[in-house]
Amino acid sequence: MTFRILAAAIALTVAGAAQAQDHLVANAREPIDILVNGQPVRMLIAPDAVQAPAVNAAAAERLGLEPSLFNFVFVIGPTHLPFRTDTIRYEAQGERFRRRTAFSEAIIVDGADGVVGPAGFPHERVTLRLRAQTSDDRAIVLPLHKMGRTLAGTRIEVGGVPIHVAFSFDRPETLVSATGGALIAEGQGGYFDGEAQEMDILYKVARPVRPLTLREPLMLGELEIRNIAVRTSDHGSSSTIGESAPDPDEIVVTARDDDMPRQRMYVGLDTIGHCASIAYDFEEETLTLMCPDQPAAR
């Protein structure tokens, strides 16, 4: 009898340890301490980062990364960022694994050695915490979608066209591609309301955006997506978006390309800043935001 109780206790302990290892937890905008090739590294887990881990040039040199035959280029508007890659050893919150890691001669992230998206490591669950959870928070559960091997998030449909949705902890605005912005403006009665300004898009590369005002709210589950900024010259065209509030009775029909590339949206802190956390469950394919009631728009 004593043996059975002891065996059961050991089994529960092992199961609990395995479950803990499968769950990666990080605070928003705070890098976690991991080991890469046996050396300490500060890695930022960012909801808008791509799946492939990427490190700054200084970290790549310190870790002794060697370029392989597999290289790639990130194209952000007219800017081309060439990356080399090396497959290296990681140890992060109880998991040991190998990952192809990108590096270049650029500084791609501040305050950390590197950056990776929530789907970049093998953990079955990843939770990114903005603050401590309270009794006012409740779960908003959305389907989890991956956009190829780049982003992890969810999707919305606008006018029958899917827009992939990730999140950003770095800006109040919600950033959307030019064609995605045009679709939203058409569906929600949107118009440009402000001048162009530069905004960091990815890896510290800035591109011009313009604020988009909507007559009808755009929703993500029960959250109203707020403070939308549209990339004005990349990833399609925003030329169909008007410059002032449209006539409520006006109907505008625009042609659509059947080969339209996949559209992306990065929901910012003016929409999710009141939430406690975002949890990615890759086994159950769910994305859960823990949030209280959304504050009234300012």
Protein backbone atom coordinates (compact mmCIF):
# COMPACT_ATOMS: atom_id res chain seq x y z
CA MET A 1 0.00 0.00 0.00
CA THR A 2 2.83 2.36 0.96
CA PHE A 3 4.61 1.51 -2.32
CA ARG A 4 1.49 2.37 -4.35
CA ILE A 5 1.08 5.74 -2.60
CA LEU A 6 4.77 6.53 -3.14
CA ALA A 7 4.58 5.51 -6.81
CA ALA A 8 1.51 7.66 -7.34
CA ALA A 9 3.21 10.64 -5.68
CA ILE A 10 6.28 10.21 -7.90
CA ALA A 11 4.07 9.98 -11.00
CA LEU A 12 2.24 13.18 -10.06
CA THR A 13 5.53 14.96 -9.43
CA VAL A 14 6.94 13.86 -12.79
CA ALA A 15 3.73 14.84 -14.59
CA GLY A 16 3.74 18.24 -12.90
CA ALA A 17 7.37 18.83 -13.85
CA ALA A 18 6.68 17.83 -17.46
CA GLN A 19 3.69 20.15 -17.58
CA ALA A 20 5.78 23.01 -16.20
CA GLN A 21 8.47 22.37 -18.82
CA ASP A 22 5.86 22.50 -21.59
CA HIS A 23 4.74 25.98 -20.46
CA LEU A 24 6.93 28.99 -21.21
CA VAL A 25 6.07 32.17 -19.29
CA ALA A 26 7.47 35.65 -19.97
CA ASN A 27 6.61 39.20 -19.01
CA ALA A 28 5.81 41.73 -21.72
CA ARG A 29 8.90 43.59 -22.97
CA GLU A 30 11.16 41.71 -20.54
CA PRO A 31 13.68 39.23 -21.98
CA ILE A 32 14.07 35.82 -20.37
CA ASP A 33 17.37 34.20 -19.40
CA ILE A 34 18.22 31.16 -21.51
CA LEU A 35 21.31 29.23 -22.60
CA VAL A 36 22.44 29.20 -26.21
CA ASN A 37 25.42 26.99 -27.08
CA GLY A 38 25.91 26.78 -23.31
CA GLN A 39 26.24 30.55 -22.89
CA PRO A 40 23.77 32.92 -21.16
CA VAL A 41 21.55 34.90 -23.51
CA ARG A 42 18.73 37.40 -22.90
CA MET A 43 15.94 36.50 -25.35
CA LEU A 44 12.83 38.61 -25.85
CA ILE A 45 9.61 36.67 -26.54
CA ALA A 46 7.57 39.13 -28.60
CA PRO A 47 4.06 38.46 -29.96
CA ASP A 48 4.82 40.26 -33.23
CA ALA A 49 8.20 38.60 -33.82
CA VAL A 50 8.67 35.90 -36.44
CA GLN A 51 9.05 32.23 -35.55
CA ALA A 52 12.76 32.00 -36.32
CA PRO A 53 14.94 33.24 -33.44
CA ALA A 54 17.17 36.15 -34.44
CA VAL A 55 20.08 37.64 -32.51
CA ASN A 56 22.01 40.89 -32.65
CA ALA A 57 25.40 40.98 -34.35
CA ALA A 58 27.30 41.24 -31.06
CA ALA A 59 25.51 38.19 -29.65
CA ALA A 60 26.16 36.19 -32.82
CA GLU A 61 29.88 36.94 -32.54
CA ARG A 62 29.98 36.06 -28.84
CA LEU A 63 28.14 32.77 -29.46
CA GLY A 64 30.44 31.85 -32.34
CA LEU A 65 27.69 31.50 -34.92
CA GLU A 66 28.85 30.32 -38.34
CA PRO A 67 26.87 31.01 -41.53
CA SER A 68 25.31 27.96 -43.17
CA LEU A 69 24.20 27.56 -46.78
CA PHE A 70 20.69 28.70 -45.80
CA ASN A 71 20.36 32.48 -45.91
CA PHE A 72 17.35 34.74 -46.40
CA VAL A 73 16.39 38.39 -46.83
CA PHE A 74 13.60 40.28 -45.04
CA VAL A 75 12.06 42.86 -47.35
CA ILE A 76 10.37 45.76 -45.53
CA GLY A 77 9.32 48.31 -48.13
CA PRO A 78 12.49 49.35 -50.00
CA THR A 79 14.72 48.04 -47.18
CA HIS A 80 16.38 44.65 -47.61
CA LEU A 81 17.81 43.01 -44.48
CA PRO A 82 20.07 40.03 -45.31
CA PHE A 83 20.31 37.32 -42.66
CA ARG A 84 22.63 34.36 -42.30
CA THR A 85 21.67 31.35 -40.19
CA ASP A 86 23.22 28.71 -37.98
CA THR A 87 21.57 25.76 -36.19
CA ILE A 88 22.46 25.97 -32.51
CA ARG A 89 21.62 24.48 -29.10
CA TYR A 90 19.07 26.07 -26.76
CA GLU A 91 17.99 25.50 -23.17
CA ALA A 92 14.92 27.52 -22.16
CA GLN A 93 12.63 27.00 -19.16
CA GLY A 94 13.10 23.24 -18.93
CA GLU A 95 13.34 22.43 -22.64
CA ARG A 96 16.48 21.53 -24.60
CA PHE A 97 16.34 21.81 -28.37
CA ARG A 98 18.07 23.02 -31.50
CA ARG A 99 16.90 25.90 -33.67
CA ARG A 100 18.05 27.51 -36.88
CA THR A 101 18.88 31.03 -35.74
CA ALA A 102 19.16 34.16 -37.87
CA PHE A 103 21.81 36.85 -37.48
CA SER A 104 23.07 39.80 -39.45
CA GLU A 105 25.35 42.79 -38.98
CA ALA A 106 22.46 44.89 -37.66
CA ILE A 107 21.12 45.61 -34.18
CA ILE A 108 17.62 44.14 -34.51
CA VAL A 109 16.39 44.50 -30.92
CA ASP A 110 17.20 46.81 -28.00
CA GLY A 111 17.55 45.65 -24.39
CA ALA A 112 18.09 41.98 -25.30
CA ASP A 113 20.47 39.73 -27.22
CA GLY A 114 17.77 38.42 -29.53
CA VAL A 115 14.07 38.10 -30.23
CA VAL A 116 11.69 35.27 -31.13
CA GLY A 117 7.96 34.83 -31.62
CA PRO A 118 5.71 32.71 -29.36
CA ALA A 119 5.88 29.76 -31.78
CA GLY A 120 9.66 29.77 -32.04
CA PHE A 121 10.37 27.39 -29.16
CA PRO A 122 8.94 23.85 -28.68
CA HIS A 123 6.81 24.58 -25.59
CA GLU A 124 3.17 23.52 -25.99
CA ARG A 125 1.94 26.64 -24.18
CA VAL A 126 3.37 30.15 -24.07
CA THR A 127 1.97 32.88 -21.81
CA LEU A 128 2.99 36.52 -22.18
CA ARG A 129 2.01 38.57 -19.12
CA LEU A 130 1.31 42.29 -19.17
CA ARG A 131 0.38 42.47 -15.46
CA ALA A 132 -0.86 40.36 -12.55
CA GLN A 133 -4.26 38.76 -13.09
CA THR A 134 -7.23 39.99 -11.03
CA SER A 135 -10.77 38.80 -10.34
CA ASP A 136 -12.05 41.24 -12.98
CA ASP A 137 -10.23 39.39 -15.76
CA ARG A 138 -12.07 36.83 -17.84
CA ALA A 139 -11.03 34.66 -20.75
CA ILE A 140 -11.52 35.75 -24.35
CA VAL A 141 -10.78 32.58 -26.33
CA LEU A 142 -9.94 32.83 -30.04
CA PRO A 143 -8.77 30.23 -32.58
CA LEU A 144 -4.99 30.07 -32.86
CA HIS A 145 -3.59 30.38 -36.38
CA LYS A 146 -0.07 30.38 -37.72
CA MET A 147 0.86 32.35 -40.81
CA GLY A 148 3.22 29.85 -42.37
CA ARG A 149 6.49 29.80 -40.45
CA THR A 150 6.37 33.46 -39.53
CA LEU A 151 3.65 34.69 -37.14
CA ALA A 152 1.40 33.10 -34.53
CA GLY A 153 -1.91 34.74 -33.68
CA THR A 154 -5.49 34.60 -34.84
CA ARG A 155 -7.57 35.75 -37.84
CA ILE A 156 -10.41 38.07 -38.65
CA GLU A 157 -12.33 38.33 -41.91
CA VAL A 158 -13.12 41.64 -43.57
CA GLY A 159 -15.27 41.50 -46.68
CA GLY A 160 -14.60 37.77 -46.97
CA VAL A 161 -10.83 38.29 -46.94
CA PRO A 162 -8.83 36.83 -44.01
CA ILE A 163 -6.44 39.14 -42.17
CA HIS A 164 -3.87 37.49 -39.94
CA VAL A 165 -3.76 39.12 -36.50
CA ALA A 166 -0.74 39.24 -34.20
CA PHE A 167 -0.19 41.52 -31.22
CA SER A 168 2.35 44.19 -30.32
CA PHE A 169 3.55 45.35 -26.91
CA ASP A 170 5.68 48.12 -28.44
CA ARG A 171 3.13 50.60 -29.75
CA PRO A 172 -0.34 51.91 -28.87
CA GLU A 173 -1.44 51.79 -32.51
CA THR A 174 -2.78 48.81 -34.38
CA LEU A 175 -0.69 48.48 -37.54
CA VAL A 176 -2.17 47.02 -40.73
CA SER A 177 -0.87 46.48 -44.26
CA ALA A 178 -1.98 48.86 -47.02
CA THR A 179 -4.39 46.48 -48.74
CA GLY A 180 -5.71 45.28 -45.38
CA GLY A 181 -6.37 48.89 -44.45
CA ALA A 182 -8.23 49.45 -47.72
CA LEU A 183 -10.42 46.40 -47.04
CA ILE A 184 -11.18 47.62 -43.52
CA ALA A 185 -11.97 51.13 -44.76
CA GLU A 186 -14.35 49.71 -47.36
CA GLY A 187 -16.09 47.40 -44.89
CA GLN A 188 -16.24 49.72 -41.88
CA GLY A 189 -16.62 53.13 -43.52
CA GLY A 190 -13.03 54.21 -42.90
CA TYR A 191 -11.06 57.26 -43.98
CA PHE A 192 -7.62 58.73 -43.41
CA ASP A 193 -7.61 61.28 -40.61
CA GLY A 194 -4.11 62.66 -40.20
CA GLU A 195 -0.74 63.03 -41.87
CA ALA A 196 1.79 60.31 -42.55
CA GLN A 197 4.36 59.49 -39.89
CA GLU A 198 7.22 57.02 -39.59
CA MET A 199 6.67 53.90 -37.47
CA ASP A 200 8.96 50.95 -36.70
CA ILE A 201 7.66 47.88 -38.54
CA LEU A 202 10.14 45.06 -37.86
CA TYR A 203 13.80 44.80 -36.82
CA LYS A 204 13.95 48.58 -36.22
CA VAL A 205 13.01 49.43 -39.83
CA ALA A 206 10.55 52.36 -40.04
CA ARG A 207 7.96 52.94 -42.78
CA PRO A 208 5.26 55.60 -43.35
CA VAL A 209 1.78 55.04 -41.88
CA ARG A 210 -1.41 57.09 -41.64
CA PRO A 211 -4.18 56.96 -38.99
CA LEU A 212 -7.46 55.38 -40.10
CA THR A 213 -10.79 56.44 -38.57
CA LEU A 214 -13.78 54.05 -38.79
CA ARG A 215 -17.49 54.84 -38.74
CA GLU A 216 -18.28 51.25 -37.73
CA PRO A 217 -16.14 49.45 -35.13
CA LEU A 218 -13.85 46.60 -36.12
CA MET A 219 -14.04 43.76 -33.59
CA LEU A 220 -11.68 41.02 -32.46
CA GLY A 221 -13.98 38.78 -30.48
CA GLU A 222 -15.47 41.18 -27.95
CA LEU A 223 -12.58 43.66 -28.20
CA GLU A 224 -12.91 46.78 -30.33
CA ILE A 225 -9.74 47.27 -32.38
CA ARG A 226 -8.64 50.87 -31.83
CA ASN A 227 -6.13 53.43 -33.10
CA ILE A 228 -5.52 51.84 -36.50
CA ALA A 229 -2.51 52.94 -38.57
CA VAL A 230 -2.21 51.87 -42.21
CA ARG A 231 1.04 51.34 -44.08
CA THR A 232 0.57 53.69 -47.00
CA SER A 233 3.00 52.41 -49.61
CA ASP A 234 3.87 48.77 -48.89
CA HIS A 235 2.10 45.41 -49.21
CA GLY A 236 -0.49 46.56 -51.71
CA SER A 237 -2.30 49.86 -52.11
CA SER A 238 -4.22 52.16 -49.80
CA SER A 239 -5.25 54.46 -52.67
CA THR A 240 -8.95 53.59 -52.30
CA ILE A 241 -9.10 55.03 -48.77
CA GLY A 242 -10.73 58.46 -48.67
CA GLU A 243 -9.30 61.58 -47.05
CA SER A 244 -12.39 62.61 -45.07
CA ALA A 245 -15.52 61.17 -43.50
CA PRO A 246 -17.54 59.45 -46.27
CA ASP A 247 -21.14 60.24 -47.10
CA PRO A 248 -23.23 57.67 -45.15
CA ASP A 249 -25.20 56.87 -48.32
CA GLU A 250 -22.20 56.51 -50.60
CA ILE A 251 -21.33 53.00 -51.81
CA VAL A 252 -17.86 52.43 -53.23
CA VAL A 253 -17.03 49.27 -55.16
CA THR A 254 -13.39 48.42 -55.77
CA ALA A 255 -11.82 45.61 -57.76
CA ARG A 256 -9.95 42.86 -55.92
CA ASP A 257 -7.06 40.74 -57.06
CA ASP A 258 -7.66 36.99 -56.73
CA ASP A 259 -3.93 36.63 -56.04
CA MET A 260 -4.00 39.09 -53.14
CA PRO A 261 -1.17 38.33 -50.68
CA ARG A 262 -2.01 37.47 -47.10
CA GLN A 263 -2.75 40.56 -45.05
CA ARG A 264 -1.34 41.24 -41.58
CA MET A 265 -2.48 43.25 -38.60
CA TYR A 266 -0.58 43.90 -35.37
CA VAL A 267 -3.01 44.85 -32.60
CA GLY A 268 -1.49 47.42 -30.25
CA LEU A 269 -1.80 48.46 -26.62
CA ASP A 270 -4.71 50.86 -27.13
CA THR A 271 -6.71 47.66 -27.77
CA ILE A 272 -5.07 45.10 -25.45
CA GLY A 273 -3.19 47.24 -22.92
CA HIS A 274 -5.86 46.67 -20.27
CA CYS A 275 -5.46 42.88 -20.49
CA ALA A 276 -3.45 40.74 -18.08
CA SER A 277 -2.00 38.17 -20.47
CA ILE A 278 -2.03 36.44 -23.84
CA ALA A 279 -1.73 32.64 -23.79
CA TYR A 280 -0.90 30.53 -26.84
CA ASP A 281 -1.91 26.86 -26.59
CA PHE A 282 -0.38 25.13 -29.59
CA GLU A 283 -1.77 21.72 -28.65
CA GLU A 284 -5.38 22.91 -28.29
CA GLU A 285 -4.93 25.56 -31.04
CA THR A 286 -6.44 28.32 -28.92
CA LEU A 287 -5.33 31.85 -28.10
CA THR A 288 -6.65 33.24 -24.82
CA LEU A 289 -6.60 36.84 -23.67
CA MET A 290 -7.35 37.47 -20.00
CA CYS A 291 -9.02 40.89 -19.86
CA PRO A 292 -11.52 42.92 -17.84
CA ASP A 293 -14.18 44.94 -19.62
CA GLN A 294 -12.59 47.12 -22.27
CA PRO A 295 -12.39 50.75 -21.14
CA ALA A 296 -14.36 53.36 -23.06
CA ALA A 297 -12.51 54.83 -26.01
CA ARG A 298 -10.82 58.16 -25.35
